[in-house]
Protein backbone atom coordinates (compact mmCIF):
# COMPACT_ATOMS: atom_id res chain seq x y z
CA MET A 1 16.28 -0.10 -9.41
CA ARG A 2 13.21 -1.88 -10.73
CA MET A 3 10.15 0.31 -10.15
CA TYR A 4 6.66 -0.98 -10.93
CA CYS A 5 4.03 1.71 -11.48
CA ILE A 6 0.48 0.44 -11.04
CA THR A 7 -2.48 1.95 -12.89
CA ILE A 8 -6.08 1.15 -13.74
CA HIS A 9 -6.11 3.32 -16.87
CA ASP A 10 -5.28 1.93 -20.29
CA ASP A 11 -3.95 5.24 -21.63
CA HIS A 12 -1.24 5.54 -18.97
CA TYR A 13 1.14 3.07 -20.60
CA GLU A 14 3.21 5.58 -22.61
CA LYS A 15 3.34 8.05 -19.74
CA ILE A 16 4.71 5.45 -17.34
CA LYS A 17 7.24 4.29 -19.93
CA LYS A 18 8.42 7.88 -20.32
CA LEU A 19 9.01 7.97 -16.56
CA GLU A 20 11.27 4.91 -17.12
CA TYR A 21 9.18 2.78 -14.80
CA ILE A 22 7.48 -0.56 -15.52
CA PRO A 23 3.78 -0.10 -16.41
CA VAL A 24 1.46 -2.45 -14.51
CA GLY A 25 -2.18 -2.54 -15.57
CA LEU A 26 -4.84 -3.86 -13.20
CA GLY A 27 -8.62 -4.09 -13.51
CA ASN A 28 -11.11 -4.49 -16.32
CA LYS A 29 -10.29 -1.15 -17.99
CA ILE A 30 -6.90 -2.43 -19.14
CA THR A 31 -7.03 -3.71 -22.71
CA SER A 32 -3.47 -3.16 -23.93
CA ASN A 33 -1.28 -6.28 -23.88
CA LYS A 34 1.83 -4.13 -23.35
CA PHE A 35 1.30 -3.87 -19.60
CA GLU A 36 2.60 -6.20 -16.94
CA VAL A 37 -0.62 -7.75 -15.63
CA ASP A 38 -1.86 -10.00 -12.85
CA TYR A 39 -3.79 -12.59 -14.88
CA ARG A 40 -1.02 -14.64 -16.49
CA GLY A 41 0.38 -17.75 -14.86
CA VAL A 42 -0.65 -18.53 -11.28
CA ASN A 43 -2.87 -15.65 -10.23
CA ILE A 44 -5.75 -14.23 -8.19
CA SER A 45 -6.73 -11.56 -10.75
CA SER A 46 -10.43 -12.29 -10.14
CA LYS A 47 -9.92 -11.02 -6.58
CA ASN A 48 -8.47 -7.67 -7.67
CA PRO A 49 -11.60 -5.68 -6.64
CA PHE A 50 -11.01 -6.96 -3.09
CA TYR A 51 -7.20 -7.07 -3.01
CA GLY A 52 -6.31 -3.95 -4.99
CA GLU A 53 -2.62 -3.85 -5.90
CA TYR A 54 -2.01 -7.05 -3.95
CA SER A 55 -3.36 -9.14 -6.82
CA PHE A 56 -0.21 -8.01 -8.65
CA HIS A 57 1.99 -8.70 -5.63
CA TYR A 58 0.54 -12.21 -5.59
CA TRP A 59 1.44 -12.61 -9.26
CA ILE A 60 5.04 -11.60 -8.54
CA TRP A 61 5.18 -14.01 -5.59
CA LYS A 62 3.98 -16.97 -7.62
CA ASN A 63 5.57 -16.24 -11.01
CA GLU A 64 8.43 -13.74 -10.85
CA ILE A 65 10.12 -13.71 -7.45
CA LYS A 66 13.05 -15.92 -8.48
CA LYS A 67 13.67 -13.77 -11.55
CA LEU A 68 14.22 -10.75 -9.30
CA ASP A 69 17.25 -12.19 -7.50
CA ASN A 70 19.68 -9.92 -9.35
CA GLU A 71 17.70 -6.72 -8.77
CA LYS A 72 19.26 -4.47 -6.15
CA TRP A 73 16.07 -2.52 -5.40
CA ILE A 74 12.45 -3.49 -6.17
CA GLY A 75 9.82 -0.81 -5.68
CA PHE A 76 6.14 -0.07 -6.19
CA CYS A 77 4.35 3.19 -6.91
CA GLN A 78 0.96 4.16 -8.32
CA TYR A 79 -0.39 6.38 -11.06
CA ARG A 80 -1.32 9.02 -8.46
CA LYS A 81 1.48 8.52 -5.93
CA PHE A 82 5.25 8.50 -6.55
CA TRP A 83 8.54 8.33 -4.67
CA SER A 84 10.60 11.49 -4.60
CA SER A 85 13.65 12.71 -2.68
CA ASP A 86 12.67 16.29 -3.58
CA ARG A 87 10.59 17.85 -0.81
CA LYS A 88 10.14 21.19 -2.59
CA GLN A 89 6.53 22.01 -3.43
CA THR A 90 6.94 23.07 -7.05
CA ALA A 91 4.24 23.06 -9.71
CA ILE A 92 4.02 20.03 -12.00
CA LYS A 93 2.69 21.12 -15.38
CA ASN A 94 3.55 18.11 -17.53
CA LEU A 95 5.19 14.70 -17.52
CA SER A 96 8.69 16.16 -17.89
CA ASP A 97 8.21 18.18 -14.69
CA LEU A 98 7.08 15.06 -12.85
CA LYS A 99 9.98 12.99 -14.14
CA LYS A 100 12.47 15.52 -12.76
CA LYS A 101 11.06 15.06 -9.26
CA LEU A 102 11.01 11.24 -9.23
CA ILE A 103 13.84 9.03 -8.07
CA LYS A 104 15.88 7.40 -10.85
CA LYS A 105 18.02 5.41 -8.45
CA ILE A 106 18.13 4.94 -4.71
CA PRO A 107 20.23 7.69 -3.06
CA GLU A 108 23.43 6.64 -1.30
CA GLU A 109 21.99 7.63 2.08
CA TYR A 110 19.74 4.55 1.89
CA GLU A 111 22.60 2.13 1.22
CA ASN A 112 22.36 0.51 4.67
CA THR A 113 18.57 0.27 4.48
CA GLU A 114 16.67 -2.93 3.69
CA VAL A 115 13.25 -1.38 3.08
CA ILE A 116 12.03 2.13 2.28
CA LEU A 117 8.58 3.17 3.46
CA GLY A 118 6.57 6.30 2.75
CA GLU A 119 6.30 9.10 5.25
CA PRO A 120 3.74 8.23 7.95
CA LEU A 121 0.09 9.23 7.83
CA PHE A 122 -1.01 10.54 11.23
CA ILE A 123 -4.59 9.49 11.87
CA ASN A 124 -4.95 11.65 14.96
CA GLN A 125 -4.30 14.77 12.87
CA PHE A 126 -7.42 14.25 10.73
CA LYS A 127 -10.27 16.71 11.17
CA PHE A 128 -12.54 15.22 13.79
CA SER A 129 -15.61 16.05 11.71
CA LYS A 130 -14.48 13.29 9.33
CA PHE A 131 -14.73 10.72 12.09
CA VAL A 132 -18.08 12.01 13.35
CA LYS A 133 -19.53 11.91 9.84
CA LYS A 134 -18.38 8.34 9.36
CA ASN A 135 -19.70 6.93 12.65
CA PHE A 136 -21.47 9.43 14.88
CA PHE A 137 -22.75 6.83 17.34
CA LYS A 138 -19.31 5.38 18.01
CA ILE A 139 -18.11 8.84 19.04
CA VAL A 140 -21.17 9.44 21.23
CA ARG A 141 -20.65 6.11 22.99
CA ASN A 142 -16.95 6.85 23.50
CA PRO A 143 -16.54 10.62 24.06
CA VAL A 144 -12.91 10.06 25.08
CA PHE A 145 -12.12 10.17 21.34
CA LEU A 146 -13.19 13.83 21.38
CA PHE A 147 -10.57 14.86 23.88
CA ASP A 148 -7.68 12.40 23.64
CA LYS A 149 -5.98 12.30 20.23
CA ASN A 150 -3.83 9.35 21.31
CA LYS A 151 -6.98 7.24 21.45
CA ARG A 152 -7.45 7.80 17.73
CA ASN A 153 -5.11 4.97 16.82
CA ILE A 154 -4.90 2.60 13.85
CA LYS A 155 -7.57 0.29 15.27
CA PHE A 156 -9.95 3.21 15.93
CA HIS A 157 -9.51 4.39 12.34
CA PHE A 158 -9.93 0.90 10.82
CA ASP A 159 -13.08 0.24 12.86
CA LEU A 160 -14.59 3.50 11.61
CA MET A 161 -13.63 3.16 7.97
CA HIS A 162 -13.70 -0.60 7.34
CA GLY A 163 -16.12 -2.16 9.81
CA GLU A 164 -16.25 -2.35 13.60
CA GLY A 165 -14.26 -5.31 14.92
CA ASN A 166 -13.01 -6.53 11.55
CA LEU A 167 -9.38 -5.76 12.32
CA ASP A 168 -9.54 -7.74 15.58
CA LYS A 169 -11.05 -10.69 13.73
CA ALA A 170 -8.24 -10.58 11.16
CA ILE A 171 -5.54 -10.29 13.83
CA SER A 172 -6.86 -13.45 15.50
CA LEU A 173 -5.90 -15.33 12.31
CA LEU A 174 -2.23 -14.29 12.36
CA GLU A 175 0.51 -16.70 13.32
CA ASN A 176 1.49 -16.59 16.99
CA ASN A 177 4.81 -14.80 16.41
CA ASP A 178 3.05 -11.71 15.00
CA ARG A 179 -0.42 -11.77 16.55
CA ASN A 180 0.28 -10.00 19.84
CA ASP A 181 2.83 -7.60 18.37
CA PHE A 182 0.50 -6.48 15.59
CA ALA A 183 -2.37 -6.10 18.05
CA GLU A 184 -0.18 -3.84 20.17
CA PHE A 185 0.88 -1.91 17.06
CA VAL A 186 -2.67 -1.07 15.94
CA ASN A 187 -3.83 -0.26 19.46
CA THR A 188 -0.96 2.09 20.32
CA GLU A 189 0.25 3.67 17.07
CA VAL A 190 -1.49 6.79 15.76
CA SER A 191 0.19 6.64 12.34
CA PHE A 192 1.16 4.15 9.65
CA ASN A 193 3.09 4.25 6.37
CA PRO A 194 0.27 4.28 3.82
CA HIS A 195 -0.73 3.39 0.27
CA ASN A 196 0.82 -0.13 0.23
CA MET A 197 3.97 1.47 -1.17
CA PHE A 198 7.45 0.24 -0.34
CA ILE A 199 10.86 -0.35 -1.89
CA CYS A 200 12.73 -3.56 -1.01
CA LYS A 201 16.48 -3.99 -1.30
CA SER A 202 16.30 -7.68 -2.12
CA SER A 203 13.92 -10.26 -3.52
CA LYS A 204 14.71 -12.40 -0.46
CA LYS A 205 13.16 -9.88 1.93
CA LEU A 206 10.25 -9.36 -0.46
CA ASN A 207 9.63 -13.10 -0.62
CA GLU A 208 9.73 -13.36 3.18
CA TYR A 209 7.00 -10.74 3.37
CA TYR A 210 4.87 -12.45 0.73
CA ASN A 211 5.21 -15.76 2.58
CA VAL A 212 3.51 -14.13 5.58
CA ILE A 213 0.98 -11.73 4.08
CA PHE A 214 -0.71 -14.02 1.55
CA PRO A 215 -1.34 -17.06 3.78
CA TRP A 216 -2.81 -14.64 6.34
CA LEU A 217 -5.07 -12.94 3.80
CA GLU A 218 -6.23 -16.33 2.53
CA ARG A 219 -7.27 -17.23 6.08
CA CYS A 220 -9.07 -13.89 6.31
CA GLU A 221 -11.03 -14.78 3.17
CA LYS A 222 -12.67 -17.62 5.08
CA LYS A 223 -13.75 -15.15 7.76
CA PHE A 224 -14.96 -12.26 5.57
CA GLY A 225 -15.61 -13.85 2.19
CA PHE A 226 -16.28 -11.67 -0.87
CA ASN A 227 -19.85 -10.51 -0.32
CA LEU A 228 -18.49 -7.15 0.80
CA GLU A 229 -20.33 -3.89 0.13
CA GLY A 230 -19.04 -0.34 -0.15
CA TYR A 231 -15.49 0.83 -0.84
CA GLY A 232 -14.56 0.74 2.84
CA GLN A 233 -15.20 -2.99 3.08
CA LYS A 234 -15.03 -4.29 -0.48
CA ARG A 235 -11.25 -3.78 -0.59
CA MET A 236 -10.91 -5.34 2.84
CA TYR A 237 -7.84 -7.41 2.01
CA GLY A 238 -5.96 -4.47 0.53
CA PHE A 239 -6.73 -2.35 3.60
CA LEU A 240 -5.62 -5.10 5.98
CA ALA A 241 -2.36 -5.40 4.05
CA GLU A 242 -1.89 -1.62 4.18
CA ARG A 243 -1.83 -1.72 8.00
CA PHE A 244 0.18 -4.92 8.29
CA MET A 245 2.87 -4.01 5.74
CA PRO A 246 4.61 -1.22 7.72
CA PHE A 247 4.36 -3.24 10.94
CA TRP A 248 6.05 -6.27 9.38
CA PHE A 249 8.85 -4.41 7.64
CA LYS A 250 9.60 -2.35 10.75
CA LYS A 251 9.72 -5.49 12.87
CA TYR A 252 11.85 -7.61 10.54
CA SER A 253 14.06 -5.18 8.62
CA LYS A 254 16.12 -2.03 8.83
CA HIS A 255 13.88 0.62 7.32
CA SER A 256 14.05 4.25 6.27
CA ILE A 257 11.51 6.84 5.15
CA MET A 258 11.16 8.62 1.80
CA PRO A 259 8.58 11.24 0.76
CA ILE A 260 5.66 10.34 -1.49
CA ILE A 261 4.32 13.01 -3.82
CA PHE A 262 0.81 13.11 -5.29
CA GLN A 263 0.16 13.69 -8.97
CA ASP A 264 -2.48 11.97 -11.07
CA LEU A 265 -1.07 10.98 -14.47
CA SER A 266 -4.48 11.61 -16.01
CA GLU A 267 -4.23 15.30 -15.11
CA ILE A 268 -0.94 16.17 -16.83
CA ASP A 269 0.17 16.38 -20.46
CA TYR A 270 2.46 13.82 -22.04
CA ARG A 271 5.10 16.49 -22.77
């Protein structure tokens, strides 16, 4: 298994190495040349504030994908979110405790799986006050959202958090074979597999995904540009990818689910 762990903090390198993962440093706070980075070779590192972790995915697509042919599993985690087959809620006091909970190899039960996704995030389970606070007038105009949780789907959530109608505009730029299916997905599903985290069994499947996601996001750039304000819209391309990623892998591969645990590396000792 080849697991990339993405961080924006320069002092996380040794911690990630101790976890036996590959440290990836993104953003302008990274000064150490020990990290894997997104600015060497063919890259879109300048777009990282808008693409998030996908500036690194782009770097892999353009520079490394052929070198990954012999890897059996290729995965991605983050400095605050990790894959674990251990569902027990035990305290994590230091790096050694965290390491014990993380996967070292893919369990045998996933042998017939092509892609592993994180457990789904159910939008319709969020406290409704969160939605009202974000866009009171949308709720007032559509009181059905108050009473019918199934109406609080992926599109409803994206419109609230990342700009009304932006998801529809992006969907209109998809290729024909995915446009209608993805539109149905976001208008009917009340959950998605979050955080842009996945584990791929082969570089071939990973490359197939990259060959779809990046041309689409490049077309979206022409629609939305980069004069984007606020966290909810500035990282527009990363948020679009976060919704599209689980749809695409579920449509085109045999997938399974694995838990994701939350632990910020900055908050635990190196021990």
